[in-house]
Amino acid sequence: MGLFDRIKRRLPIVGGSPPPRKPVPVPQYRPPAREEVEAEPLSPRGNQPVAEYIAELVKGNKVVMFMKGTPDAPACGFSAGSIGILRGYGKPVFTFNVLADGDVREGVKSFSNWPTIPQIFIDGEFVGGADILKQLHESGDLRTMLE
């Protein structure tokens, strides 16, 4: 056995294999036990029928807007423009984010017989979508409707 072979045996970094190591047992992960909790509905509607819920909102509020997103974070340009117009009048506006409940999103289209979102209701009556709201605003008719 030569000098180089003796060095390799003593210094594994020079090319020899490292000394065998004992395997360290790794504890198996177990998630903590969860209590069974009844899931809360994601929509503020809860389990109420869609048409009933929409009718209740429309009759119970002076101005209702079904929109994509929230007033502070609209999810589409039409909703952003519409809420901007309504906020400009300083009147309270009840908004419903249709992205939070797909059933209400489709239900409001049937309720008003109007295919697009946003939808605006004033005094329990369907006014229209973003384009009609903009026309009413520009003509000055929206001001009288909101008073």
C-alpha atoms as a PDB file:
ATOM      1  CA  MET A   1       0.000   0.000   0.000  1.00  0.00           C
ATOM      2  CA  GLY A   2       1.456   3.268  -1.101  1.00  0.00           C
ATOM      3  CA  LEU A   3       1.537   6.612   0.602  1.00  0.00           C
ATOM      4  CA  PHE A   4      -1.304   7.985  -1.515  1.00  0.00           C
ATOM      5  CA  ASP A   5      -3.567   5.045  -0.611  1.00  0.00           C
ATOM      6  CA  ARG A   6      -2.930   5.589   3.086  1.00  0.00           C
ATOM      7  CA  ILE A   7      -3.791   9.284   2.765  1.00  0.00           C
ATOM      8  CA  LYS A   8      -7.031   8.476   0.940  1.00  0.00           C
ATOM      9  CA  ARG A   9      -8.091   6.107   3.665  1.00  0.00           C
ATOM     10  CA  ARG A  10      -7.524   8.681   6.365  1.00  0.00           C
ATOM     11  CA  LEU A  11      -8.763  11.759   4.500  1.00  0.00           C
ATOM     12  CA  PRO A  12     -12.018  11.023   2.679  1.00  0.00           C
ATOM     13  CA  ILE A  13     -11.932  14.452   1.009  1.00  0.00           C
ATOM     14  CA  VAL A  14      -8.993  13.378  -1.129  1.00  0.00           C
ATOM     15  CA  GLY A  15     -11.060  10.788  -2.926  1.00  0.00           C
ATOM     16  CA  GLY A  16     -11.958   8.064  -0.520  1.00  0.00           C
ATOM     17  CA  SER A  17     -15.488   7.398   0.579  1.00  0.00           C
ATOM     18  CA  PRO A  18     -16.654   8.969   3.829  1.00  0.00           C
ATOM     19  CA  PRO A  19     -17.059   6.758   6.851  1.00  0.00           C
ATOM     20  CA  PRO A  20     -20.528   5.240   7.121  1.00  0.00           C
ATOM     21  CA  ARG A  21     -23.003   7.196   9.237  1.00  0.00           C
ATOM     22  CA  LYS A  22     -25.858   5.937  11.298  1.00  0.00           C
ATOM     23  CA  PRO A  23     -29.222   6.955   9.824  1.00  0.00           C
ATOM     24  CA  VAL A  24     -31.044   9.477  12.005  1.00  0.00           C
ATOM     25  CA  PRO A  25     -34.731   8.690  12.405  1.00  0.00           C
ATOM     26  CA  VAL A  26     -36.960  11.516  11.154  1.00  0.00           C
ATOM     27  CA  PRO A  27     -40.254  11.888  12.981  1.00  0.00           C
ATOM     28  CA  GLN A  28     -43.257  11.615  10.705  1.00  0.00           C
ATOM     29  CA  TYR A  29     -45.379  14.799  10.425  1.00  0.00           C
ATOM     30  CA  ARG A  30     -48.888  14.588  11.744  1.00  0.00           C
ATOM     31  CA  PRO A  31     -51.133  17.634  11.350  1.00  0.00           C
ATOM     32  CA  PRO A  32     -52.897  18.798  14.482  1.00  0.00           C
ATOM     33  CA  ALA A  33     -56.391  17.463  14.991  1.00  0.00           C
ATOM     34  CA  ARG A  34     -59.119  19.773  13.714  1.00  0.00           C
ATOM     35  CA  GLU A  35     -62.488  20.267  15.237  1.00  0.00           C
ATOM     36  CA  GLU A  36     -65.431  19.718  12.953  1.00  0.00           C
ATOM     37  CA  VAL A  37     -66.878  23.192  12.408  1.00  0.00           C
ATOM     38  CA  GLU A  38     -69.808  23.920  10.164  1.00  0.00           C
ATOM     39  CA  ALA A  39     -68.551  26.021   7.273  1.00  0.00           C
ATOM     40  CA  GLU A  40     -69.898  29.536   7.100  1.00  0.00           C
ATOM     41  CA  PRO A  41     -71.403  30.527   3.770  1.00  0.00           C
ATOM     42  CA  LEU A  42     -69.075  32.684   1.681  1.00  0.00           C
ATOM     43  CA  SER A  43     -71.903  34.911   0.496  1.00  0.00           C
ATOM     44  CA  PRO A  44     -73.700  37.372   2.735  1.00  0.00           C
ATOM     45  CA  ARG A  45     -76.881  35.833   1.306  1.00  0.00           C
ATOM     46  CA  GLY A  46     -76.338  32.712   3.386  1.00  0.00           C
ATOM     47  CA  ASN A  47     -78.861  30.054   2.440  1.00  0.00           C
ATOM     48  CA  GLN A  48     -81.623  32.473   1.484  1.00  0.00           C
ATOM     49  CA  PRO A  49     -83.136  31.928  -1.994  1.00  0.00           C
ATOM     50  CA  VAL A  50     -81.511  34.185  -4.588  1.00  0.00           C
ATOM     51  CA  ALA A  51     -84.608  35.943  -5.949  1.00  0.00           C
ATOM     52  CA  GLU A  52     -85.890  36.601  -2.431  1.00  0.00           C
ATOM     53  CA  TYR A  53     -82.521  38.008  -1.359  1.00  0.00           C
ATOM     54  CA  ILE A  54     -82.242  40.316  -4.384  1.00  0.00           C
ATOM     55  CA  ALA A  55     -85.813  41.593  -3.928  1.00  0.00           C
ATOM     56  CA  GLU A  56     -85.103  42.263  -0.249  1.00  0.00           C
ATOM     57  CA  LEU A  57     -81.947  44.254  -1.054  1.00  0.00           C
ATOM     58  CA  VAL A  58     -83.592  46.283  -3.800  1.00  0.00           C
ATOM     59  CA  LYS A  59     -86.639  47.172  -1.686  1.00  0.00           C
ATOM     60  CA  GLY A  60     -84.667  47.797   1.503  1.00  0.00           C
ATOM     61  CA  ASN A  61     -82.168  50.329   0.112  1.00  0.00           C
ATOM     62  CA  LYS A  62     -82.591  53.594  -1.803  1.00  0.00           C
ATOM     63  CA  VAL A  63     -79.661  52.860  -4.157  1.00  0.00           C
ATOM     64  CA  VAL A  64     -78.350  49.345  -4.832  1.00  0.00           C
ATOM     65  CA  MET A  65     -75.535  48.446  -7.169  1.00  0.00           C
ATOM     66  CA  PHE A  66     -74.621  44.873  -8.072  1.00  0.00           C
ATOM     67  CA  MET A  67     -71.005  45.141  -9.161  1.00  0.00           C
ATOM     68  CA  LYS A  68     -67.842  43.156  -9.799  1.00  0.00           C
ATOM     69  CA  GLY A  69     -65.571  43.771  -6.828  1.00  0.00           C
ATOM     70  CA  THR A  70     -66.047  46.284  -4.046  1.00  0.00           C
ATOM     71  CA  PRO A  71     -66.350  50.076  -4.107  1.00  0.00           C
ATOM     72  CA  ASP A  72     -62.744  50.409  -2.923  1.00  0.00           C
ATOM     73  CA  ALA A  73     -61.450  47.700  -5.276  1.00  0.00           C
ATOM     74  CA  PRO A  74     -63.676  47.381  -8.344  1.00  0.00           C
ATOM     75  CA  ALA A  75     -62.844  44.376 -10.520  1.00  0.00           C
ATOM     76  CA  CYS A  76     -63.894  45.921 -13.842  1.00  0.00           C
ATOM     77  CA  GLY A  77     -63.873  49.322 -15.475  1.00  0.00           C
ATOM     78  CA  PHE A  78     -67.655  49.552 -15.804  1.00  0.00           C
ATOM     79  CA  SER A  79     -68.120  48.895 -12.085  1.00  0.00           C
ATOM     80  CA  ALA A  80     -65.378  51.423 -11.265  1.00  0.00           C
ATOM     81  CA  GLY A  81     -66.986  54.099 -13.428  1.00  0.00           C
ATOM     82  CA  SER A  82     -70.466  53.475 -12.053  1.00  0.00           C
ATOM     83  CA  ILE A  83     -69.460  53.572  -8.397  1.00  0.00           C
ATOM     84  CA  GLY A  84     -67.451  56.716  -9.116  1.00  0.00           C
ATOM     85  CA  ILE A  85     -70.548  58.438 -10.536  1.00  0.00           C
ATOM     86  CA  LEU A  86     -72.740  57.355  -7.615  1.00  0.00           C
ATOM     87  CA  ARG A  87     -70.161  58.344  -4.982  1.00  0.00           C
ATOM     88  CA  GLY A  88     -69.955  61.774  -6.565  1.00  0.00           C
ATOM     89  CA  TYR A  89     -73.494  62.512  -5.365  1.00  0.00           C
ATOM     90  CA  GLY A  90     -72.594  61.789  -1.737  1.00  0.00           C
ATOM     91  CA  LYS A  91     -75.595  59.522  -1.220  1.00  0.00           C
ATOM     92  CA  PRO A  92     -75.300  56.118   0.466  1.00  0.00           C
ATOM     93  CA  VAL A  93     -75.064  53.244  -2.004  1.00  0.00           C
ATOM     94  CA  PHE A  94     -75.539  49.618  -1.034  1.00  0.00           C
ATOM     95  CA  THR A  95     -73.216  47.460  -3.127  1.00  0.00           C
ATOM     96  CA  PHE A  96     -73.075  43.725  -3.626  1.00  0.00           C
ATOM     97  CA  ASN A  97     -69.975  42.016  -5.022  1.00  0.00           C
ATOM     98  CA  VAL A  98     -71.362  39.470  -7.502  1.00  0.00           C
ATOM     99  CA  LEU A  99     -67.955  37.749  -7.624  1.00  0.00           C
ATOM    100  CA  ALA A 100     -68.616  36.552  -4.067  1.00  0.00           C
ATOM    101  CA  ASP A 101     -71.749  34.662  -5.089  1.00  0.00           C
ATOM    102  CA  GLY A 102     -72.192  33.262  -8.596  1.00  0.00           C
ATOM    103  CA  ASP A 103     -75.848  32.484  -7.923  1.00  0.00           C
ATOM    104  CA  VAL A 104     -76.596  36.149  -7.216  1.00  0.00           C
ATOM    105  CA  ARG A 105     -74.551  37.116 -10.269  1.00  0.00           C
ATOM    106  CA  GLU A 106     -76.814  35.039 -12.506  1.00  0.00           C
ATOM    107  CA  GLY A 107     -79.941  35.705 -10.441  1.00  0.00           C
ATOM    108  CA  VAL A 108     -79.746  39.481 -10.739  1.00  0.00           C
ATOM    109  CA  LYS A 109     -79.562  39.129 -14.531  1.00  0.00           C
ATOM    110  CA  SER A 110     -82.838  37.187 -14.453  1.00  0.00           C
ATOM    111  CA  PHE A 111     -84.365  39.510 -11.862  1.00  0.00           C
ATOM    112  CA  SER A 112     -83.807  42.612 -14.009  1.00  0.00           C
ATOM    113  CA  ASN A 113     -83.836  40.946 -17.406  1.00  0.00           C
ATOM    114  CA  TRP A 114     -80.515  42.699 -18.106  1.00  0.00           C
ATOM    115  CA  PRO A 115     -77.497  40.670 -19.263  1.00  0.00           C
ATOM    116  CA  THR A 116     -74.564  42.648 -17.870  1.00  0.00           C
ATOM    117  CA  ILE A 117     -73.011  43.743 -14.591  1.00  0.00           C
ATOM    118  CA  PRO A 118     -73.026  46.348 -13.007  1.00  0.00           C
ATOM    119  CA  GLN A 119     -76.724  46.830 -12.398  1.00  0.00           C
ATOM    120  CA  ILE A 120     -78.165  49.805 -10.578  1.00  0.00           C
ATOM    121  CA  PHE A 121     -81.503  49.993  -8.768  1.00  0.00           C
ATOM    122  CA  ILE A 122     -82.935  53.239  -7.382  1.00  0.00           C
ATOM    123  CA  ASP A 123     -86.080  53.304  -5.207  1.00  0.00           C
ATOM    124  CA  GLY A 124     -86.718  49.630  -5.956  1.00  0.00           C
ATOM    125  CA  GLU A 125     -86.676  50.176  -9.724  1.00  0.00           C
ATOM    126  CA  PHE A 126     -84.094  48.864 -12.148  1.00  0.00           C
ATOM    127  CA  VAL A 127     -82.276  51.808 -13.746  1.00  0.00           C
ATOM    128  CA  GLY A 128     -79.793  50.011 -15.985  1.00  0.00           C
ATOM    129  CA  GLY A 129     -76.124  49.352 -16.370  1.00  0.00           C
ATOM    130  CA  ALA A 130     -73.029  51.520 -16.611  1.00  0.00           C
ATOM    131  CA  ASP A 131     -73.937  53.093 -19.943  1.00  0.00           C
ATOM    132  CA  ILE A 132     -77.431  54.167 -18.883  1.00  0.00           C
ATOM    133  CA  LEU A 133     -76.145  55.455 -15.532  1.00  0.00           C
ATOM    134  CA  LYS A 134     -73.569  57.544 -17.379  1.00  0.00           C
ATOM    135  CA  GLN A 135     -76.264  58.996 -19.703  1.00  0.00           C
ATOM    136  CA  LEU A 136     -78.503  59.842 -16.742  1.00  0.00           C
ATOM    137  CA  HIS A 137     -75.575  61.507 -14.986  1.00  0.00           C
ATOM    138  CA  GLU A 138     -74.607  63.574 -18.027  1.00  0.00           C
ATOM    139  CA  SER A 139     -78.212  64.701 -18.656  1.00  0.00           C
ATOM    140  CA  GLY A 140     -78.739  65.654 -14.981  1.00  0.00           C
ATOM    141  CA  ASP A 141     -81.618  63.215 -14.550  1.00  0.00           C
ATOM    142  CA  LEU A 142     -79.678  61.090 -12.062  1.00  0.00           C
ATOM    143  CA  ARG A 143     -79.578  63.965  -9.561  1.00  0.00           C
ATOM    144  CA  THR A 144     -83.384  64.158  -9.458  1.00  0.00           C
ATOM    145  CA  MET A 145     -83.668  60.368  -9.175  1.00  0.00           C
ATOM    146  CA  LEU A 146     -81.361  60.339  -6.146  1.00  0.00           C
ATOM    147  CA  GLU A 147     -83.176  63.143  -4.293  1.00  0.00           C
END
